[in-house]
Protein backbone atom coordinates (compact mmCIF):
# COMPACT_ATOMS: atom_id res chain seq x y z
CA MET A 1 139.85 122.46 71.96
CA SER A 2 142.72 124.96 71.90
CA ASP A 3 145.35 125.42 69.16
CA ARG A 4 147.78 123.01 70.84
CA THR A 5 148.59 119.70 69.14
CA ALA A 6 145.39 117.69 68.84
CA PRO A 7 145.23 115.10 71.62
CA ARG A 8 144.84 111.50 70.63
CA VAL A 9 141.76 109.61 71.78
CA ALA A 10 141.65 105.82 71.50
CA VAL A 11 138.20 104.21 71.33
CA ILE A 12 137.98 100.45 71.82
CA GLY A 13 134.81 99.02 70.36
CA ALA A 14 133.19 99.93 67.03
CA GLY A 15 129.55 99.49 67.93
CA PRO A 16 127.07 102.38 68.14
CA ALA A 17 128.43 103.65 71.47
CA GLY A 18 132.06 103.59 70.38
CA LEU A 19 131.41 105.16 66.99
CA MET A 20 129.31 107.91 68.56
CA ALA A 21 132.08 108.60 71.09
CA ALA A 22 134.59 108.76 68.23
CA GLU A 23 132.43 111.11 66.19
CA THR A 24 131.89 113.39 69.17
CA ALA A 25 135.58 113.61 70.08
CA ALA A 26 136.67 114.13 66.47
CA ALA A 27 134.15 116.94 65.99
CA ARG A 28 135.85 118.76 68.86
CA GLY A 29 139.33 118.59 67.45
CA CYS A 30 140.75 115.31 68.72
CA THR A 31 142.66 112.79 66.68
CA VAL A 32 140.63 109.62 67.04
CA ASP A 33 141.53 105.97 66.46
CA VAL A 34 138.87 103.27 66.83
CA TYR A 35 139.93 99.67 67.49
CA ASP A 36 137.68 96.64 67.10
CA ALA A 37 138.26 92.91 67.39
CA MET A 38 135.96 92.02 64.49
CA PRO A 39 136.87 92.11 60.78
CA SER A 40 134.39 94.98 60.27
CA PRO A 41 132.62 97.50 62.52
CA GLY A 42 129.08 97.36 63.86
CA ARG A 43 128.61 93.58 63.64
CA LYS A 44 125.96 93.37 66.37
CA PHE A 45 124.31 96.56 65.11
CA LEU A 46 123.94 95.03 61.65
CA LEU A 47 122.56 91.76 62.98
CA ALA A 48 120.05 93.60 65.16
CA GLY A 49 118.79 95.38 62.06
CA ILE A 50 118.19 92.31 59.92
CA GLY A 51 114.50 92.17 60.77
CA GLY A 52 114.14 95.96 60.68
CA LEU A 53 116.38 98.36 62.56
CA ASN A 54 114.45 99.64 65.58
CA LEU A 55 116.48 102.78 66.14
CA THR A 56 114.53 104.39 68.98
CA HIS A 57 111.00 104.93 70.32
CA ALA A 58 108.63 107.87 69.98
CA GLU A 59 106.92 107.70 73.37
CA PRO A 60 107.07 110.82 75.59
CA SER A 61 110.40 111.30 77.35
CA ALA A 62 108.85 110.97 80.82
CA ALA A 63 107.73 107.44 80.01
CA PHE A 64 110.81 106.70 77.90
CA VAL A 65 113.25 107.14 80.76
CA THR A 66 111.32 104.75 83.04
CA ARG A 67 112.29 101.88 80.73
CA TYR A 68 115.74 101.95 82.31
CA ARG A 69 114.40 100.77 85.66
CA GLU A 70 116.86 101.27 88.53
CA ARG A 71 119.26 103.29 86.36
CA GLN A 72 116.83 105.87 85.02
CA ALA A 73 118.23 108.56 87.33
CA GLU A 74 121.73 108.09 85.91
CA LEU A 75 120.62 107.89 82.29
CA ALA A 76 118.00 110.67 82.38
CA PRO A 77 120.46 113.60 81.99
CA LEU A 78 122.28 111.82 79.17
CA LEU A 79 119.00 111.15 77.35
CA GLU A 80 117.95 114.76 77.85
CA ARG A 81 121.03 115.81 75.93
CA PHE A 82 120.74 113.15 73.24
CA GLY A 83 117.45 111.27 73.26
CA ALA A 84 115.03 109.92 70.68
CA ALA A 85 114.37 113.22 68.89
CA ALA A 86 118.07 114.09 68.70
CA LEU A 87 118.86 110.61 67.41
CA ARG A 88 116.32 110.97 64.60
CA THR A 89 117.78 114.37 63.69
CA TRP A 90 121.27 112.86 63.70
CA ALA A 91 120.12 110.07 61.37
CA ALA A 92 118.46 112.59 59.05
CA LYS A 93 121.78 114.42 58.69
CA LEU A 94 123.23 111.13 57.48
CA GLY A 95 120.49 111.03 54.83
CA ILE A 96 118.50 108.37 56.71
CA GLU A 97 114.80 109.18 56.90
CA THR A 98 112.93 107.59 59.81
CA PHE A 99 109.28 106.90 60.55
CA VAL A 100 107.20 105.98 63.59
CA GLY A 101 105.52 102.57 63.40
CA SER A 102 102.11 101.73 64.80
CA SER A 103 103.67 100.61 68.10
CA GLY A 104 105.64 103.84 68.51
CA ARG A 105 108.89 102.24 67.48
CA VAL A 106 111.09 104.28 65.16
CA PHE A 107 112.65 102.70 62.06
CA PRO A 108 114.70 103.90 59.10
CA LYS A 109 112.53 104.20 56.01
CA GLU A 110 114.59 101.45 54.35
CA MET A 111 114.24 99.36 57.56
CA LYS A 112 117.87 98.21 57.32
CA ALA A 113 120.96 99.01 59.41
CA ALA A 114 123.51 98.73 56.60
CA PRO A 115 122.71 102.01 54.77
CA LEU A 116 122.94 103.97 58.03
CA LEU A 117 126.21 102.32 59.02
CA ARG A 118 127.75 102.92 55.57
CA ALA A 119 126.82 106.60 55.62
CA TRP A 120 128.08 106.96 59.16
CA LEU A 121 131.44 105.32 58.47
CA HIS A 122 131.89 107.55 55.43
CA ARG A 123 131.27 110.64 57.55
CA LEU A 124 133.64 109.40 60.24
CA ARG A 125 136.42 108.87 57.70
CA GLN A 126 135.85 112.36 56.33
CA ALA A 127 136.23 113.66 59.88
CA GLY A 128 139.61 111.95 60.14
CA VAL A 129 138.58 109.04 62.37
CA ARG A 130 140.82 106.04 61.73
CA LEU A 131 139.34 102.57 62.09
CA HIS A 132 141.54 99.58 62.98
CA VAL A 133 139.77 96.22 62.64
CA ARG A 134 141.03 92.84 63.83
CA HIS A 135 142.54 94.57 66.86
CA ARG A 136 141.48 92.64 69.94
CA TRP A 137 142.25 94.44 73.18
CA LEU A 138 144.25 92.36 75.67
CA GLY A 139 144.36 94.80 78.57
CA TRP A 140 147.43 96.70 79.75
CA ASP A 141 151.15 96.05 79.62
CA ASP A 142 152.32 97.25 83.02
CA ALA A 143 155.96 97.09 81.98
CA ARG A 144 155.25 99.66 79.26
CA GLY A 145 153.53 102.21 81.47
CA GLY A 146 150.08 100.72 81.83
CA ASP A 147 150.46 100.44 85.59
CA LYS A 148 151.06 104.18 86.01
CA ASP A 149 148.97 105.65 83.20
CA PRO A 150 145.88 103.69 82.06
CA THR A 151 145.91 105.43 78.68
CA ARG A 152 149.33 103.87 77.94
CA GLY A 153 150.56 100.35 77.35
CA LEU A 154 147.35 99.22 75.62
CA ARG A 155 147.89 95.71 74.27
CA PHE A 156 146.21 94.52 71.07
CA ALA A 157 146.29 91.19 69.28
CA THR A 158 146.38 91.71 65.51
CA PRO A 159 146.95 89.42 62.49
CA GLU A 160 150.54 90.72 62.42
CA GLY A 161 151.11 89.95 66.09
CA GLU A 162 150.74 91.89 69.32
CA CYS A 163 151.13 95.67 69.29
CA LEU A 164 151.12 98.43 71.92
CA ILE A 165 149.15 101.65 71.68
CA ALA A 166 149.29 104.85 73.72
CA ALA A 167 146.75 107.67 73.77
CA ASP A 168 145.92 110.81 75.71
CA ALA A 169 142.44 109.55 76.62
CA LEU A 170 140.84 106.13 76.33
CA ILE A 171 137.15 105.40 75.71
CA LEU A 172 135.99 101.84 76.32
CA ALA A 173 132.87 100.73 74.43
CA LEU A 174 133.36 97.00 74.78
CA GLY A 175 129.77 95.81 74.96
CA GLY A 176 128.28 93.42 77.47
CA GLY A 177 128.36 89.64 77.40
CA SER A 178 125.71 88.59 74.88
CA TRP A 179 126.43 87.42 71.32
CA ALA A 180 130.11 86.78 72.04
CA LYS A 181 130.75 85.73 68.44
CA LEU A 182 130.10 89.35 67.44
CA GLY A 183 132.68 90.70 69.87
CA SER A 184 130.85 91.27 73.16
CA ASP A 185 132.40 88.56 75.28
CA GLY A 186 132.96 90.33 78.61
CA ALA A 187 136.70 89.50 78.56
CA TRP A 188 137.39 92.99 79.90
CA MET A 189 135.70 92.36 83.25
CA PRO A 190 138.72 90.92 85.13
CA TRP A 191 141.10 93.54 83.71
CA LEU A 192 138.99 96.37 85.11
CA ALA A 193 138.34 94.52 88.37
CA GLN A 194 142.09 94.13 88.91
CA ARG A 195 142.42 97.89 88.69
CA GLY A 196 139.83 98.59 91.33
CA VAL A 197 136.82 99.32 89.10
CA GLU A 198 133.47 98.45 90.71
CA LEU A 199 131.56 95.93 88.60
CA ALA A 200 128.28 94.04 88.71
CA PRO A 201 128.25 90.49 87.29
CA LEU A 202 127.01 90.26 83.71
CA LYS A 203 123.54 88.71 83.46
CA PRO A 204 121.21 87.88 80.55
CA ALA A 205 118.62 90.52 79.66
CA ASN A 206 115.87 90.40 77.03
CA CYS A 207 116.16 86.65 77.18
CA GLY A 208 114.11 83.47 77.16
CA PHE A 209 113.54 81.12 80.09
CA ASP A 210 113.49 77.41 80.81
CA VAL A 211 110.35 76.00 82.37
CA GLY A 212 110.54 74.14 85.65
CA LEU A 213 108.22 71.57 87.19
CA LEU A 214 104.71 72.08 85.83
CA ALA A 215 101.40 70.97 87.35
CA GLY A 216 100.89 67.22 87.13
CA ASN A 217 104.40 66.54 85.76
CA THR A 218 107.06 64.47 87.47
CA ALA A 219 110.05 66.11 85.78
CA ALA A 220 110.98 69.68 84.93
CA GLY A 221 110.48 70.99 81.41
CA TRP A 222 107.91 70.48 78.70
CA SER A 223 106.66 66.98 78.09
CA ALA A 224 108.11 65.29 75.01
CA HIS A 225 104.72 65.40 73.30
CA PHE A 226 104.23 69.13 73.87
CA ARG A 227 107.80 69.98 72.90
CA GLU A 228 107.68 67.98 69.68
CA ARG A 229 104.35 69.48 68.65
CA PHE A 230 104.69 73.10 69.72
CA ALA A 231 108.37 74.12 69.93
CA GLY A 232 108.68 77.18 67.73
CA ALA A 233 104.94 77.94 67.83
CA PRO A 234 103.87 81.55 68.51
CA VAL A 235 101.37 82.23 71.29
CA LYS A 236 99.48 85.28 70.09
CA SER A 237 97.10 87.77 71.70
CA VAL A 238 97.92 86.99 75.30
CA ALA A 239 98.77 88.95 78.42
CA ALA A 240 101.17 88.05 81.21
CA HIS A 241 101.97 89.11 84.73
CA ILE A 242 104.53 88.19 87.34
CA THR A 243 104.76 89.15 90.99
CA ASP A 244 108.40 89.60 91.89
CA ALA A 245 110.20 88.76 95.13
CA ARG A 246 109.33 92.19 96.54
CA GLY A 247 105.63 91.75 95.89
CA GLN A 248 105.51 94.12 92.91
CA THR A 249 103.42 93.04 89.93
CA HIS A 250 104.68 93.49 86.36
CA GLU A 251 102.32 93.15 83.39
CA ARG A 252 102.71 93.00 79.62
CA ALA A 253 100.47 92.12 76.67
CA GLY A 254 101.48 90.85 73.26
CA GLU A 255 102.80 87.52 72.09
CA CYS A 256 105.50 85.03 72.92
CA MET A 257 106.87 81.80 71.53
CA ILE A 258 107.31 78.28 72.83
CA SER A 259 110.92 77.07 72.69
CA ALA A 260 112.26 73.57 73.09
CA SER A 261 113.11 74.26 76.72
CA GLY A 262 110.69 76.99 77.72
CA ILE A 263 109.33 80.30 76.53
CA GLU A 264 110.71 83.41 74.82
CA GLY A 265 109.67 86.29 72.55
CA GLY A 266 108.87 89.98 72.83
CA MET A 267 106.46 89.84 75.75
CA ILE A 268 108.82 87.62 77.73
CA TYR A 269 111.81 89.85 76.95
CA ALA A 270 109.89 92.81 78.36
CA LEU A 271 109.42 90.88 81.61
CA SER A 272 112.86 89.29 81.66
CA ALA A 273 114.38 91.55 84.33
CA PRO A 274 111.78 90.83 87.06
CA LEU A 275 111.62 87.17 86.01
CA ARG A 276 115.41 86.78 86.20
CA ASP A 277 115.70 88.65 89.50
CA THR A 278 112.86 86.64 91.07
CA ILE A 279 114.51 83.37 90.04
CA GLU A 280 117.77 84.56 91.57
CA ALA A 281 116.01 85.54 94.81
CA THR A 282 113.67 82.57 95.26
CA GLY A 283 114.82 79.80 92.93
CA SER A 284 111.92 80.07 90.49
CA ALA A 285 109.36 82.50 89.10
CA THR A 286 105.75 81.90 88.17
CA LEU A 287 104.57 83.57 85.00
CA HIS A 288 100.79 83.85 84.70
CA LEU A 289 99.44 83.88 81.15
CA ASP A 290 96.01 85.23 80.27
CA LEU A 291 95.07 83.14 77.25
CA ALA A 292 91.87 85.09 76.61
CA PRO A 293 92.58 88.74 77.48
CA GLY A 294 89.47 89.93 75.65
CA ARG A 295 87.08 87.95 77.85
CA SER A 296 86.19 88.40 81.49
CA LEU A 297 86.52 85.62 84.03
CA GLU A 298 82.78 85.66 84.63
CA ARG A 299 81.93 85.34 80.94
CA LEU A 300 84.42 82.50 80.49
CA ALA A 301 83.04 80.60 83.47
CA THR A 302 79.47 80.99 82.20
CA ASP A 303 80.33 79.91 78.65
CA LEU A 304 82.42 76.94 79.76
CA ALA A 305 79.67 75.75 82.10
CA ARG A 306 77.31 75.20 79.18
CA PRO A 307 76.75 71.50 78.42
CA ARG A 308 79.11 70.20 75.76
CA GLY A 309 77.09 67.09 74.98
CA ALA A 310 78.96 64.77 72.64
CA ARG A 311 81.56 67.36 71.73
CA SER A 312 85.15 66.76 72.79
CA MET A 313 86.85 69.01 75.34
CA ALA A 314 88.97 70.41 72.49
CA SER A 315 85.85 71.43 70.56
CA HIS A 316 84.25 72.84 73.70
CA LEU A 317 87.32 74.98 74.49
CA GLN A 318 87.46 76.26 70.92
CA SER A 319 83.76 77.16 70.62
CA LYS A 320 83.23 78.56 74.12
CA ALA A 321 86.59 80.15 74.92
CA GLY A 322 88.43 80.51 71.61
CA ILE A 323 91.17 78.26 72.95
CA GLU A 324 92.83 76.01 70.38
CA GLY A 325 96.20 74.92 69.07
CA VAL A 326 99.15 75.91 71.22
CA LYS A 327 96.91 77.61 73.78
CA ALA A 328 94.96 74.38 74.28
CA GLY A 329 98.28 72.53 74.47
CA LEU A 330 99.49 74.90 77.19
CA LEU A 331 96.32 74.34 79.20
CA ARG A 332 96.81 70.60 79.16
CA GLU A 333 100.53 70.93 79.86
CA CYS A 334 100.19 73.24 82.85
CA THR A 335 97.01 72.03 84.54
CA THR A 336 95.51 68.74 85.71
CA LYS A 337 92.48 66.82 84.47
CA ASP A 338 90.36 67.77 87.47
CA VAL A 339 90.85 71.45 86.66
CA LEU A 340 89.83 70.91 83.04
CA ALA A 341 86.63 69.25 84.25
CA ASP A 342 85.55 72.18 86.44
CA ALA A 343 84.23 75.21 84.51
CA ASN A 344 85.06 77.75 87.22
CA ARG A 345 88.56 76.46 87.82
CA LEU A 346 89.16 76.11 84.09
CA ALA A 347 88.10 79.72 83.50
CA ALA A 348 90.46 80.83 86.26
CA VAL A 349 93.49 79.11 84.74
CA ILE A 350 92.66 80.39 81.27
CA LYS A 351 92.84 83.90 82.74
CA ALA A 352 95.98 83.18 84.78
CA LEU A 353 97.73 80.03 83.60
CA PRO A 354 100.70 79.42 85.93
CA ILE A 355 103.96 78.55 84.16
CA VAL A 356 106.87 77.90 86.51
CA LEU A 357 110.19 79.18 85.16
CA ALA A 358 113.38 77.72 86.58
CA ALA A 359 116.22 79.57 84.84
CA ALA A 360 117.08 82.26 82.34
CA ARG A 361 118.64 81.06 79.14
CA PRO A 362 122.46 81.46 78.93
CA LEU A 363 123.95 84.92 78.67
CA ASP A 364 125.37 84.36 75.20
CA GLU A 365 121.85 83.70 73.85
CA ALA A 366 120.40 86.89 75.29
CA ILE A 367 119.67 89.93 73.15
CA SER A 368 121.47 92.11 75.68
CA SER A 369 123.03 91.92 79.11
CA ALA A 370 122.69 93.58 82.49
CA GLY A 371 125.59 94.27 84.83
CA GLY A 372 129.01 95.67 84.04
CA VAL A 373 130.64 98.91 85.16
CA LEU A 374 128.68 100.48 88.00
CA PHE A 375 127.71 104.12 87.57
CA GLU A 376 129.09 104.62 91.06
CA ALA A 377 132.52 103.83 89.59
CA LEU A 378 132.16 106.76 87.16
CA ASP A 379 132.12 110.52 87.51
CA ASP A 380 129.62 112.76 85.71
CA ARG A 381 131.75 112.61 82.55
CA LEU A 382 131.60 108.79 82.53
CA MET A 383 135.28 108.64 83.51
CA LEU A 384 136.38 105.81 85.77
CA ARG A 385 137.27 107.20 89.19
CA ALA A 386 139.93 104.51 89.59
CA LEU A 387 141.48 105.14 86.16
CA PRO A 388 141.81 108.83 85.23
CA GLY A 389 141.56 109.38 81.50
CA VAL A 390 139.53 106.22 80.89
CA PHE A 391 135.85 106.59 79.97
CA CYS A 392 133.16 103.94 79.53
CA CYS A 393 129.96 103.85 77.50
CA GLY A 394 127.37 101.59 75.93
CA GLU A 395 126.26 98.18 77.08
CA MET A 396 129.34 97.60 79.24
CA LEU A 397 127.73 99.98 81.76
CA ASP A 398 125.39 98.57 84.40
CA TRP A 399 121.98 99.35 82.91
CA GLU A 400 119.36 97.42 81.02
CA ALA A 401 116.25 98.18 79.01
CA PRO A 402 113.65 96.30 76.99
CA THR A 403 113.78 96.01 73.23
CA GLY A 404 111.91 98.68 71.32
CA GLY A 405 114.70 101.13 70.56
CA TYR A 406 115.64 101.79 74.17
CA LEU A 407 118.87 99.77 74.02
CA LEU A 408 120.26 101.58 71.00
CA THR A 409 119.19 105.01 72.23
CA ALA A 410 121.11 104.63 75.49
CA CYS A 411 124.16 103.30 73.64
CA PHE A 412 124.19 106.40 71.44
CA ALA A 413 123.54 108.73 74.40
CA THR A 414 126.28 107.26 76.60
CA GLY A 415 128.71 107.17 73.67
CA ARG A 416 128.16 110.85 73.04
CA ALA A 417 128.53 111.61 76.76
CA ALA A 418 131.81 109.69 76.96
CA GLY A 419 133.16 111.52 73.91
CA LEU A 420 132.25 114.88 75.42
CA GLY A 421 133.65 113.78 78.77
CA ALA A 422 137.00 112.85 77.26
CA VAL A 423 137.27 116.21 75.48
CA ASP A 424 136.33 118.14 78.64
CA TRP A 425 138.86 116.20 80.70
CA LEU A 426 141.62 116.79 78.16
CA ASP A 427 140.79 120.50 78.00
CA ALA A 428 140.91 120.76 81.80
CA LEU A 429 144.15 118.78 81.90
CA HIS A 430 145.85 121.17 79.48
CA ALA A 431 144.11 124.37 80.53
CA GLY A 432 147.42 125.92 81.56
CA ASP A 433 149.32 124.94 78.40
């Protein structure tokens, strides 16, 4: 930044992406104002850290970038500049020590998000960043210049009434469409669409699913008996696979949880993208659960074929296959009596229990969202081609990733890239001054 009057950068959205964009622009000499609709910054960030803030992941970068599926090519250069290692170094400079858990996930030593956010906000204030809460963006006022210059005529609803803001560059970090009560409500979608920005519809990601019509049932969904007994029950030590509409198989191991309407939990979230896309393409998706991943099909068939004498089927399943509780309930819910009576067929369904899924849970329930501003609508600086001077970052961009630190890492990386992009654009704009 030259010695000219410091340009003003407006950042809308005080989540990780917006705050990182603000910090980056301020460090390079800009005057930065951050606006957020909520009464305090980082609401979703704080909620995500209640059970332990999973900041990033320690797996090798070559594997790390593949977690972003179809958008790994666009995110790879941004993650190279600010990936997991850089994020841990950044946190350390805030006084936040991190450690790698047994699964490779990276957490703050204190496990909480609040200490990191407090230290970060203190550093931002010291850098001159001004934070304006309870400022809900309402789009542009065309009569006040918003139609000609998208960094002008910015409308905000505040407790004191509507106000107009102008800036030299605008960074949008508005989030996706999940957890609307925390500020990410997708209200910005039509405003950008009206100005020619290419968008993909917002969809749930890292979400649960409703079950459809199961074997032997006459209506979709869990039976009343199964739902009343097992809703909320964890299904541990299982594996799952799904073959998507293109014939590609996706596999995960771990645990999940039965919900009142279907199934959710970490393993399901990791498979949510292919499950959701398959449902969209074909009307349903069949998830196959391996209820005994430590046993081979052949061993199961042999053990289950042994005479059970006077023992009940429940006792036989428990002693010969280790199947009890919710796993036994799932078998009865998703198969028919004739299958349970045949050792070979029973072993086969234990290894690949078919659960038909009919729909993803609503967007607002999802941990994150897919869709938003297409990367094709942006230049290499993350500036909107249709709106010069306007940059986008964070979850409002069209990418998705599983939980495990990947979501936050990309929010930080795109926020930093947007902040750098805004500074570079402003420098180029005033190069002759």
